[in-house]
């Protein structure tokens, strides 16, 4: 493999929610590019599945820590251990999340806390855990996985939208605070992504799936590998002057489907004499 194909050689990344879906794709993508990866998640079985995939692909061993990102002390212990053993932490991807569709008026306080604790608090706890190591070294790249409804909202996701909106604000704030100290902070915002977790939580029926798919101008779901590729760009040196930004990978979903003057295939539907 050419050196330019191994931009993370000698570097170390922590990926939360790395046992499945997008987090798994990001962890494997970083390892394929020569980096050392430590995945974090609550389920040991899922973490071992990612480790096994890495081994099957002939990658350097992927490490794992079975901790809950809602536990600030546990997350700090993991970061300190990684820095002690490897001498550095170059990258962090905050991907751990939880979501389910529910009308706001029936969302319980426990349901609200569960999502906000994982998405917003967990992202801060993990970021706060790696920050001393990155800031001391004068280098580091952090990528937070959010969603476009963090800025435009979406019915049925008030807990997740509020939490991810908080992560977006956190990202911009920390990007400004740490830019002069060599640490970059960005977001990726995937659209509806074809993973087992998302399918079960967000489009469990065929009708739900068809409705979600119809909202995407590109006409298909996002693939985890596509999100991983975007994340790799934000972690690499070629994006070294990018911070506080959000890279959206959603096939145009947040821009909306055509409403006036054109059908989905682009053909004009304006009647003669219609208002312009």
C-alpha atoms as a PDB file:
ATOM      1  CA  UNK A   1       0.000   0.000   0.000  1.00  0.00           C
ATOM      2  CA  UNK A   2       1.316   3.451  -0.921  1.00  0.00           C
ATOM      3  CA  UNK A   3       2.147   5.901   1.862  1.00  0.00           C
ATOM      4  CA  UNK A   4      -0.549   8.318   0.674  1.00  0.00           C
ATOM      5  CA  UNK A   5      -3.078   5.522   1.242  1.00  0.00           C
ATOM      6  CA  UNK A   6      -2.062   5.367   4.918  1.00  0.00           C
ATOM      7  CA  UNK A   7      -2.643   8.944   6.145  1.00  0.00           C
ATOM      8  CA  UNK A   8      -3.250   7.749   9.711  1.00  0.00           C
ATOM      9  CA  UNK A   9      -0.114   5.628  10.087  1.00  0.00           C
ATOM     10  CA  UNK A  10       1.234   6.131  13.607  1.00  0.00           C
ATOM     11  CA  UNK A  11      -1.961   7.896  14.712  1.00  0.00           C
ATOM     12  CA  UNK A  12      -4.596   6.876  17.235  1.00  0.00           C
ATOM     13  CA  UNK A  13      -8.370   7.387  17.157  1.00  0.00           C
ATOM     14  CA  UNK A  14     -11.221   6.731  19.570  1.00  0.00           C
ATOM     15  CA  UNK A  15     -14.620   5.990  17.999  1.00  0.00           C
ATOM     16  CA  UNK A  16     -17.716   5.830  20.192  1.00  0.00           C
ATOM     17  CA  UNK A  17     -20.604   3.627  19.122  1.00  0.00           C
ATOM     18  CA  UNK A  18     -18.064   1.638  17.139  1.00  0.00           C
ATOM     19  CA  UNK A  19     -19.780  -1.716  17.459  1.00  0.00           C
ATOM     20  CA  UNK A  20     -22.180  -1.380  14.541  1.00  0.00           C
ATOM     21  CA  UNK A  21     -23.474   0.754  11.682  1.00  0.00           C
ATOM     22  CA  UNK A  22     -21.799   4.080  11.013  1.00  0.00           C
ATOM     23  CA  UNK A  23     -19.365   3.775  13.924  1.00  0.00           C
ATOM     24  CA  UNK A  24     -18.209   0.394  12.722  1.00  0.00           C
ATOM     25  CA  UNK A  25     -17.656   1.710   9.190  1.00  0.00           C
ATOM     26  CA  UNK A  26     -15.655   4.659  10.547  1.00  0.00           C
ATOM     27  CA  UNK A  27     -13.501   2.438  12.759  1.00  0.00           C
ATOM     28  CA  UNK A  28     -12.705   0.079   9.889  1.00  0.00           C
ATOM     29  CA  UNK A  29     -12.037   3.014   7.556  1.00  0.00           C
ATOM     30  CA  UNK A  30      -9.531   4.525   9.963  1.00  0.00           C
ATOM     31  CA  UNK A  31      -7.790   1.180  10.447  1.00  0.00           C
ATOM     32  CA  UNK A  32      -7.603   0.602   6.673  1.00  0.00           C
ATOM     33  CA  UNK A  33      -5.755   3.900   6.405  1.00  0.00           C
ATOM     34  CA  UNK A  34      -3.090   2.705   8.802  1.00  0.00           C
ATOM     35  CA  UNK A  35      -4.379   4.071  12.103  1.00  0.00           C
ATOM     36  CA  UNK A  36      -4.797   2.496  15.517  1.00  0.00           C
ATOM     37  CA  UNK A  37      -8.448   2.449  16.562  1.00  0.00           C
ATOM     38  CA  UNK A  38     -10.070   2.097  19.967  1.00  0.00           C
ATOM     39  CA  UNK A  39     -13.814   1.576  19.779  1.00  0.00           C
ATOM     40  CA  UNK A  40     -16.116   2.390  22.680  1.00  0.00           C
ATOM     41  CA  UNK A  41     -19.608   1.060  23.322  1.00  0.00           C
ATOM     42  CA  UNK A  42     -21.849  -0.583  25.868  1.00  0.00           C
ATOM     43  CA  UNK A  43     -22.186  -3.990  24.204  1.00  0.00           C
ATOM     44  CA  UNK A  44     -19.117  -6.214  24.319  1.00  0.00           C
ATOM     45  CA  UNK A  45     -20.570  -8.551  21.699  1.00  0.00           C
ATOM     46  CA  UNK A  46     -20.968  -5.751  19.159  1.00  0.00           C
ATOM     47  CA  UNK A  47     -17.491  -4.440  19.848  1.00  0.00           C
ATOM     48  CA  UNK A  48     -16.065  -7.903  19.282  1.00  0.00           C
ATOM     49  CA  UNK A  49     -17.915  -8.107  15.950  1.00  0.00           C
ATOM     50  CA  UNK A  50     -16.107  -4.980  14.727  1.00  0.00           C
ATOM     51  CA  UNK A  51     -12.797  -6.333  15.992  1.00  0.00           C
ATOM     52  CA  UNK A  52     -13.441  -9.580  14.118  1.00  0.00           C
ATOM     53  CA  UNK A  53     -14.200  -7.731  10.876  1.00  0.00           C
ATOM     54  CA  UNK A  54     -10.943  -5.870  11.197  1.00  0.00           C
ATOM     55  CA  UNK A  55      -9.034  -9.098  11.752  1.00  0.00           C
ATOM     56  CA  UNK A  56     -10.736 -10.738   8.760  1.00  0.00           C
ATOM     57  CA  UNK A  57      -9.656  -7.790   6.599  1.00  0.00           C
ATOM     58  CA  UNK A  58      -6.051  -8.182   7.740  1.00  0.00           C
ATOM     59  CA  UNK A  59      -6.005  -4.864   9.595  1.00  0.00           C
ATOM     60  CA  UNK A  60      -4.030  -4.041  12.708  1.00  0.00           C
ATOM     61  CA  UNK A  61      -5.960  -5.196  15.789  1.00  0.00           C
ATOM     62  CA  UNK A  62      -8.831  -2.895  16.731  1.00  0.00           C
ATOM     63  CA  UNK A  63      -9.015  -2.311  20.467  1.00  0.00           C
ATOM     64  CA  UNK A  64     -12.245  -2.000  22.440  1.00  0.00           C
ATOM     65  CA  UNK A  65     -13.508  -0.607  25.727  1.00  0.00           C
ATOM     66  CA  UNK A  66     -16.970  -1.583  26.937  1.00  0.00           C
ATOM     67  CA  UNK A  67     -18.102   1.602  28.670  1.00  0.00           C
ATOM     68  CA  UNK A  68     -21.163   3.856  28.613  1.00  0.00           C
ATOM     69  CA  UNK A  69     -20.468   7.360  27.301  1.00  0.00           C
ATOM     70  CA  UNK A  70     -22.928   8.662  29.911  1.00  0.00           C
ATOM     71  CA  UNK A  71     -20.371   7.740  32.569  1.00  0.00           C
ATOM     72  CA  UNK A  72     -17.936  10.681  32.551  1.00  0.00           C
ATOM     73  CA  UNK A  73     -15.424   9.032  34.887  1.00  0.00           C
ATOM     74  CA  UNK A  74     -15.336   5.808  32.856  1.00  0.00           C
ATOM     75  CA  UNK A  75     -14.836   7.682  29.603  1.00  0.00           C
ATOM     76  CA  UNK A  76     -12.028   9.757  31.116  1.00  0.00           C
ATOM     77  CA  UNK A  77     -10.367   6.561  32.306  1.00  0.00           C
ATOM     78  CA  UNK A  78     -10.470   5.121  28.782  1.00  0.00           C
ATOM     79  CA  UNK A  79      -8.944   8.269  27.268  1.00  0.00           C
ATOM     80  CA  UNK A  80      -6.183   8.369  29.858  1.00  0.00           C
ATOM     81  CA  UNK A  81      -5.434   4.679  29.300  1.00  0.00           C
ATOM     82  CA  UNK A  82      -5.255   5.105  25.518  1.00  0.00           C
ATOM     83  CA  UNK A  83      -2.913   8.088  25.878  1.00  0.00           C
ATOM     84  CA  UNK A  84      -0.744   6.211  28.365  1.00  0.00           C
ATOM     85  CA  UNK A  85      -0.390   3.083  26.236  1.00  0.00           C
ATOM     86  CA  UNK A  86      -0.064   4.760  22.829  1.00  0.00           C
ATOM     87  CA  UNK A  87       1.435   8.091  23.810  1.00  0.00           C
ATOM     88  CA  UNK A  88      -1.132  10.106  21.869  1.00  0.00           C
ATOM     89  CA  UNK A  89      -4.751  10.604  20.820  1.00  0.00           C
ATOM     90  CA  UNK A  90      -5.057  12.139  17.366  1.00  0.00           C
ATOM     91  CA  UNK A  91      -8.732  11.738  16.593  1.00  0.00           C
ATOM     92  CA  UNK A  92     -12.108  11.315  18.237  1.00  0.00           C
ATOM     93  CA  UNK A  93     -15.379  10.446  16.533  1.00  0.00           C
ATOM     94  CA  UNK A  94     -18.453  10.942  18.705  1.00  0.00           C
ATOM     95  CA  UNK A  95     -20.936   8.591  17.084  1.00  0.00           C
ATOM     96  CA  UNK A  96     -22.765   7.012  20.044  1.00  0.00           C
ATOM     97  CA  UNK A  97     -26.459   7.882  19.851  1.00  0.00           C
ATOM     98  CA  UNK A  98     -29.974   6.810  20.685  1.00  0.00           C
ATOM     99  CA  UNK A  99     -33.222   7.696  18.978  1.00  0.00           C
ATOM    100  CA  UNK A 100     -36.838   6.673  18.535  1.00  0.00           C
ATOM    101  CA  UNK A 101     -39.844   8.372  16.995  1.00  0.00           C
ATOM    102  CA  UNK A 102     -42.400   9.738  19.462  1.00  0.00           C
ATOM    103  CA  UNK A 103     -44.815  12.687  19.602  1.00  0.00           C
ATOM    104  CA  UNK A 104     -43.400  15.351  21.910  1.00  0.00           C
ATOM    105  CA  UNK A 105     -46.490  15.409  24.110  1.00  0.00           C
ATOM    106  CA  UNK A 106     -46.114  11.717  24.945  1.00  0.00           C
ATOM    107  CA  UNK A 107     -42.324  11.674  25.382  1.00  0.00           C
ATOM    108  CA  UNK A 108     -41.546  10.709  28.976  1.00  0.00           C
ATOM    109  CA  UNK A 109     -38.890  12.475  31.057  1.00  0.00           C
ATOM    110  CA  UNK A 110     -36.948   9.211  31.109  1.00  0.00           C
ATOM    111  CA  UNK A 111     -37.072   8.987  27.318  1.00  0.00           C
ATOM    112  CA  UNK A 112     -35.875  12.577  27.027  1.00  0.00           C
ATOM    113  CA  UNK A 113     -33.012  11.988  29.467  1.00  0.00           C
ATOM    114  CA  UNK A 114     -31.927   8.755  27.819  1.00  0.00           C
ATOM    115  CA  UNK A 115     -31.365  10.371  24.420  1.00  0.00           C
ATOM    116  CA  UNK A 116     -29.969  13.682  25.682  1.00  0.00           C
ATOM    117  CA  UNK A 117     -27.595  11.885  28.062  1.00  0.00           C
ATOM    118  CA  UNK A 118     -26.127   9.747  25.288  1.00  0.00           C
ATOM    119  CA  UNK A 119     -26.025  12.268  22.455  1.00  0.00           C
ATOM    120  CA  UNK A 120     -25.318  15.596  24.139  1.00  0.00           C
ATOM    121  CA  UNK A 121     -23.787  14.737  27.497  1.00  0.00           C
ATOM    122  CA  UNK A 122     -21.907  11.714  26.152  1.00  0.00           C
ATOM    123  CA  UNK A 123     -20.386  13.789  23.365  1.00  0.00           C
ATOM    124  CA  UNK A 124     -19.217  16.402  25.850  1.00  0.00           C
ATOM    125  CA  UNK A 125     -17.875  13.859  28.336  1.00  0.00           C
ATOM    126  CA  UNK A 126     -15.826  12.091  25.678  1.00  0.00           C
ATOM    127  CA  UNK A 127     -14.620  15.320  24.117  1.00  0.00           C
ATOM    128  CA  UNK A 128     -13.674  16.638  27.542  1.00  0.00           C
ATOM    129  CA  UNK A 129     -11.784  13.402  28.230  1.00  0.00           C
ATOM    130  CA  UNK A 130      -9.563  13.606  25.135  1.00  0.00           C
ATOM    131  CA  UNK A 131      -9.149  17.385  25.125  1.00  0.00           C
ATOM    132  CA  UNK A 132      -6.259  17.613  27.617  1.00  0.00           C
ATOM    133  CA  UNK A 133      -4.236  15.126  25.569  1.00  0.00           C
ATOM    134  CA  UNK A 134      -4.923  16.842  22.240  1.00  0.00           C
ATOM    135  CA  UNK A 135      -4.397  20.365  23.558  1.00  0.00           C
ATOM    136  CA  UNK A 136      -1.142  19.408  25.256  1.00  0.00           C
ATOM    137  CA  UNK A 137       0.121  17.963  21.959  1.00  0.00           C
ATOM    138  CA  UNK A 138      -1.162  20.926  19.939  1.00  0.00           C
ATOM    139  CA  UNK A 139      -2.967  18.702  17.465  1.00  0.00           C
ATOM    140  CA  UNK A 140      -6.183  16.721  17.056  1.00  0.00           C
ATOM    141  CA  UNK A 141      -9.347  16.348  15.037  1.00  0.00           C
ATOM    142  CA  UNK A 142     -12.797  15.691  16.496  1.00  0.00           C
ATOM    143  CA  UNK A 143     -15.822  14.758  14.385  1.00  0.00           C
ATOM    144  CA  UNK A 144     -19.317  14.663  15.860  1.00  0.00           C
ATOM    145  CA  UNK A 145     -22.043  12.676  14.094  1.00  0.00           C
ATOM    146  CA  UNK A 146     -25.323  14.622  14.067  1.00  0.00           C
ATOM    147  CA  UNK A 147     -28.286  14.903  11.659  1.00  0.00           C
ATOM    148  CA  UNK A 148     -29.731  17.707   9.568  1.00  0.00           C
ATOM    149  CA  UNK A 149     -32.731  18.044  11.879  1.00  0.00           C
ATOM    150  CA  UNK A 150     -30.261  19.512  14.356  1.00  0.00           C
ATOM    151  CA  UNK A 151     -30.832  22.781  12.499  1.00  0.00           C
ATOM    152  CA  UNK A 152     -34.212  22.372  10.776  1.00  0.00           C
ATOM    153  CA  UNK A 153     -36.084  20.207  13.303  1.00  0.00           C
ATOM    154  CA  UNK A 154     -38.357  17.265  12.593  1.00  0.00           C
ATOM    155  CA  UNK A 155     -41.660  16.139  14.139  1.00  0.00           C
ATOM    156  CA  UNK A 156     -41.301  13.099  16.375  1.00  0.00           C
ATOM    157  CA  UNK A 157     -37.649  13.653  17.207  1.00  0.00           C
ATOM    158  CA  UNK A 158     -37.718  16.521  19.712  1.00  0.00           C
ATOM    159  CA  UNK A 159     -35.316  14.721  22.067  1.00  0.00           C
ATOM    160  CA  UNK A 160     -32.807  13.793  19.386  1.00  0.00           C
ATOM    161  CA  UNK A 161     -33.104  17.105  17.506  1.00  0.00           C
ATOM    162  CA  UNK A 162     -32.547  19.082  20.703  1.00  0.00           C
ATOM    163  CA  UNK A 163     -29.560  16.929  21.665  1.00  0.00           C
ATOM    164  CA  UNK A 164     -27.948  17.051  18.231  1.00  0.00           C
ATOM    165  CA  UNK A 165     -28.680  20.777  18.005  1.00  0.00           C
ATOM    166  CA  UNK A 166     -26.734  21.104  21.234  1.00  0.00           C
ATOM    167  CA  UNK A 167     -23.871  19.101  19.745  1.00  0.00           C
ATOM    168  CA  UNK A 168     -23.844  21.416  16.726  1.00  0.00           C
ATOM    169  CA  UNK A 169     -23.577  24.469  18.994  1.00  0.00           C
ATOM    170  CA  UNK A 170     -20.896  22.706  21.042  1.00  0.00           C
ATOM    171  CA  UNK A 171     -18.947  21.920  17.872  1.00  0.00           C
ATOM    172  CA  UNK A 172     -18.912  25.530  16.713  1.00  0.00           C
ATOM    173  CA  UNK A 173     -18.031  26.818  20.163  1.00  0.00           C
ATOM    174  CA  UNK A 174     -15.130  24.424  20.694  1.00  0.00           C
ATOM    175  CA  UNK A 175     -13.892  24.965  17.135  1.00  0.00           C
ATOM    176  CA  UNK A 176     -13.516  28.683  17.876  1.00  0.00           C
ATOM    177  CA  UNK A 177     -12.057  28.039  21.323  1.00  0.00           C
ATOM    178  CA  UNK A 178      -9.440  25.484  20.235  1.00  0.00           C
ATOM    179  CA  UNK A 179      -8.547  26.482  16.654  1.00  0.00           C
ATOM    180  CA  UNK A 180      -5.514  28.454  17.794  1.00  0.00           C
ATOM    181  CA  UNK A 181      -4.334  25.473  19.831  1.00  0.00           C
ATOM    182  CA  UNK A 182      -4.248  22.992  16.960  1.00  0.00           C
ATOM    183  CA  UNK A 183      -7.488  21.086  17.631  1.00  0.00           C
ATOM    184  CA  UNK A 184     -10.242  21.043  15.011  1.00  0.00           C
ATOM    185  CA  UNK A 185     -13.893  20.174  15.696  1.00  0.00           C
ATOM    186  CA  UNK A 186     -16.400  19.406  12.914  1.00  0.00           C
ATOM    187  CA  UNK A 187     -19.633  17.512  12.271  1.00  0.00           C
ATOM    188  CA  UNK A 188     -20.938  15.065   9.730  1.00  0.00           C
ATOM    189  CA  UNK A 189     -24.692  14.933   9.215  1.00  0.00           C
ATOM    190  CA  UNK A 190     -25.800  11.672   7.583  1.00  0.00           C
ATOM    191  CA  UNK A 191     -29.210  11.319   6.053  1.00  0.00           C
ATOM    192  CA  UNK A 192     -31.353   8.193   6.572  1.00  0.00           C
ATOM    193  CA  UNK A 193     -28.697   5.492   6.732  1.00  0.00           C
ATOM    194  CA  UNK A 194     -29.183   1.832   5.933  1.00  0.00           C
ATOM    195  CA  UNK A 195     -28.289   0.231   9.263  1.00  0.00           C
ATOM    196  CA  UNK A 196     -30.073  -2.342  11.400  1.00  0.00           C
ATOM    197  CA  UNK A 197     -30.469   0.104  14.274  1.00  0.00           C
ATOM    198  CA  UNK A 198     -31.944   2.911  12.187  1.00  0.00           C
ATOM    199  CA  UNK A 199     -34.255   0.564  10.339  1.00  0.00           C
ATOM    200  CA  UNK A 200     -35.718  -0.798  13.564  1.00  0.00           C
ATOM    201  CA  UNK A 201     -36.088   2.568  15.284  1.00  0.00           C
ATOM    202  CA  UNK A 202     -37.066   4.921  12.471  1.00  0.00           C
ATOM    203  CA  UNK A 203     -38.667   2.967   9.602  1.00  0.00           C
ATOM    204  CA  UNK A 204     -39.798  -0.333  11.053  1.00  0.00           C
ATOM    205  CA  UNK A 205     -42.569  -0.989   8.508  1.00  0.00           C
ATOM    206  CA  UNK A 206     -42.556  -1.138   4.730  1.00  0.00           C
ATOM    207  CA  UNK A 207     -44.816   1.915   4.597  1.00  0.00           C
ATOM    208  CA  UNK A 208     -42.499   3.888   6.889  1.00  0.00           C
ATOM    209  CA  UNK A 209     -39.509   2.878   4.815  1.00  0.00           C
ATOM    210  CA  UNK A 210     -41.168   3.966   1.573  1.00  0.00           C
ATOM    211  CA  UNK A 211     -42.155   7.314   3.102  1.00  0.00           C
ATOM    212  CA  UNK A 212     -38.611   8.005   4.314  1.00  0.00           C
ATOM    213  CA  UNK A 213     -37.096   6.992   0.987  1.00  0.00           C
ATOM    214  CA  UNK A 214     -39.525   9.264  -0.865  1.00  0.00           C
ATOM    215  CA  UNK A 215     -38.120  12.227   1.068  1.00  0.00           C
ATOM    216  CA  UNK A 216     -34.633  11.791  -0.407  1.00  0.00           C
ATOM    217  CA  UNK A 217     -34.107  13.511  -3.782  1.00  0.00           C
ATOM    218  CA  UNK A 218     -31.254  11.120  -4.606  1.00  0.00           C
ATOM    219  CA  UNK A 219     -33.735   8.255  -4.267  1.00  0.00           C
ATOM    220  CA  UNK A 220     -31.802   5.973  -1.925  1.00  0.00           C
ATOM    221  CA  UNK A 221     -30.566   5.643   1.633  1.00  0.00           C
ATOM    222  CA  UNK A 222     -27.131   6.730   2.806  1.00  0.00           C
ATOM    223  CA  UNK A 223     -24.564   3.935   3.114  1.00  0.00           C
ATOM    224  CA  UNK A 224     -22.409   3.732   6.258  1.00  0.00           C
ATOM    225  CA  UNK A 225     -19.262   3.664   4.118  1.00  0.00           C
ATOM    226  CA  UNK A 226     -20.247   7.008   2.569  1.00  0.00           C
ATOM    227  CA  UNK A 227     -20.430   8.577   6.014  1.00  0.00           C
ATOM    228  CA  UNK A 228     -17.098   6.982   6.887  1.00  0.00           C
ATOM    229  CA  UNK A 229     -15.456   8.458   3.781  1.00  0.00           C
ATOM    230  CA  UNK A 230     -16.685  11.948   4.678  1.00  0.00           C
ATOM    231  CA  UNK A 231     -15.425  11.470   8.225  1.00  0.00           C
ATOM    232  CA  UNK A 232     -12.013  10.356   6.985  1.00  0.00           C
ATOM    233  CA  UNK A 233     -11.698  13.600   5.029  1.00  0.00           C
ATOM    234  CA  UNK A 234     -12.386  15.662   8.148  1.00  0.00           C
ATOM    235  CA  UNK A 235      -9.846  13.635  10.134  1.00  0.00           C
ATOM    236  CA  UNK A 236      -7.081  13.866   7.541  1.00  0.00           C
ATOM    237  CA  UNK A 237      -4.529  16.657   7.151  1.00  0.00           C
ATOM    238  CA  UNK A 238      -6.016  17.650   3.797  1.00  0.00           C
ATOM    239  CA  UNK A 239      -8.865  19.285   5.757  1.00  0.00           C
ATOM    240  CA  UNK A 240      -6.457  20.968   8.189  1.00  0.00           C
ATOM    241  CA  UNK A 241      -8.018  24.412   7.628  1.00  0.00           C
ATOM    242  CA  UNK A 242     -11.597  23.209   8.138  1.00  0.00           C
ATOM    243  CA  UNK A 243     -13.116  23.628  11.584  1.00  0.00           C
ATOM    244  CA  UNK A 244     -16.556  24.381  13.008  1.00  0.00           C
ATOM    245  CA  UNK A 245     -18.232  23.099   9.863  1.00  0.00           C
ATOM    246  CA  UNK A 246     -20.795  20.400   9.035  1.00  0.00           C
ATOM    247  CA  UNK A 247     -20.497  18.045   6.079  1.00  0.00           C
ATOM    248  CA  UNK A 248     -23.945  16.758   5.129  1.00  0.00           C
ATOM    249  CA  UNK A 249     -24.247  13.333   3.474  1.00  0.00           C
ATOM    250  CA  UNK A 250     -27.977  12.904   2.850  1.00  0.00           C
ATOM    251  CA  UNK A 251     -28.641  12.835  -0.893  1.00  0.00           C
ATOM    252  CA  UNK A 252     -30.242  16.272  -0.643  1.00  0.00           C
ATOM    253  CA  UNK A 253     -32.906  15.210   1.852  1.00  0.00           C
ATOM    254  CA  UNK A 254     -32.773  18.304   4.026  1.00  0.00           C
ATOM    255  CA  UNK A 255     -33.195  20.518   0.961  1.00  0.00           C
ATOM    256  CA  UNK A 256     -36.593  18.938   0.311  1.00  0.00           C
ATOM    257  CA  UNK A 257     -38.388  17.469  -2.665  1.00  0.00           C
ATOM    258  CA  UNK A 258     -39.653  19.702  -5.490  1.00  0.00           C
ATOM    259  CA  UNK A 259     -42.872  21.543  -4.614  1.00  0.00           C
ATOM    260  CA  UNK A 260     -43.431  24.149  -7.322  1.00  0.00           C
ATOM    261  CA  UNK A 261     -43.005  23.804 -11.051  1.00  0.00           C
ATOM    262  CA  UNK A 262     -41.369  20.407 -11.371  1.00  0.00           C
ATOM    263  CA  UNK A 263     -42.044  16.766 -10.682  1.00  0.00           C
ATOM    264  CA  UNK A 264     -39.520  14.463  -9.077  1.00  0.00           C
ATOM    265  CA  UNK A 265     -38.007  13.687 -12.495  1.00  0.00           C
ATOM    266  CA  UNK A 266     -37.557  17.385 -13.274  1.00  0.00           C
ATOM    267  CA  UNK A 267     -40.361  17.726 -15.824  1.00  0.00           C
ATOM    268  CA  UNK A 268     -42.303  20.992 -15.717  1.00  0.00           C
ATOM    269  CA  UNK A 269     -45.852  20.777 -14.381  1.00  0.00           C
ATOM    270  CA  UNK A 270     -46.787  24.478 -14.638  1.00  0.00           C
ATOM    271  CA  UNK A 271     -50.153  25.017 -16.238  1.00  0.00           C
ATOM    272  CA  UNK A 272     -50.529  27.641 -18.996  1.00  0.00           C
ATOM    273  CA  UNK A 273     -51.214  31.044 -17.514  1.00  0.00           C
ATOM    274  CA  UNK A 274     -50.263  29.970 -13.970  1.00  0.00           C
ATOM    275  CA  UNK A 275     -48.798  32.540 -11.623  1.00  0.00           C
ATOM    276  CA  UNK A 276     -45.038  32.881 -11.839  1.00  0.00           C
END
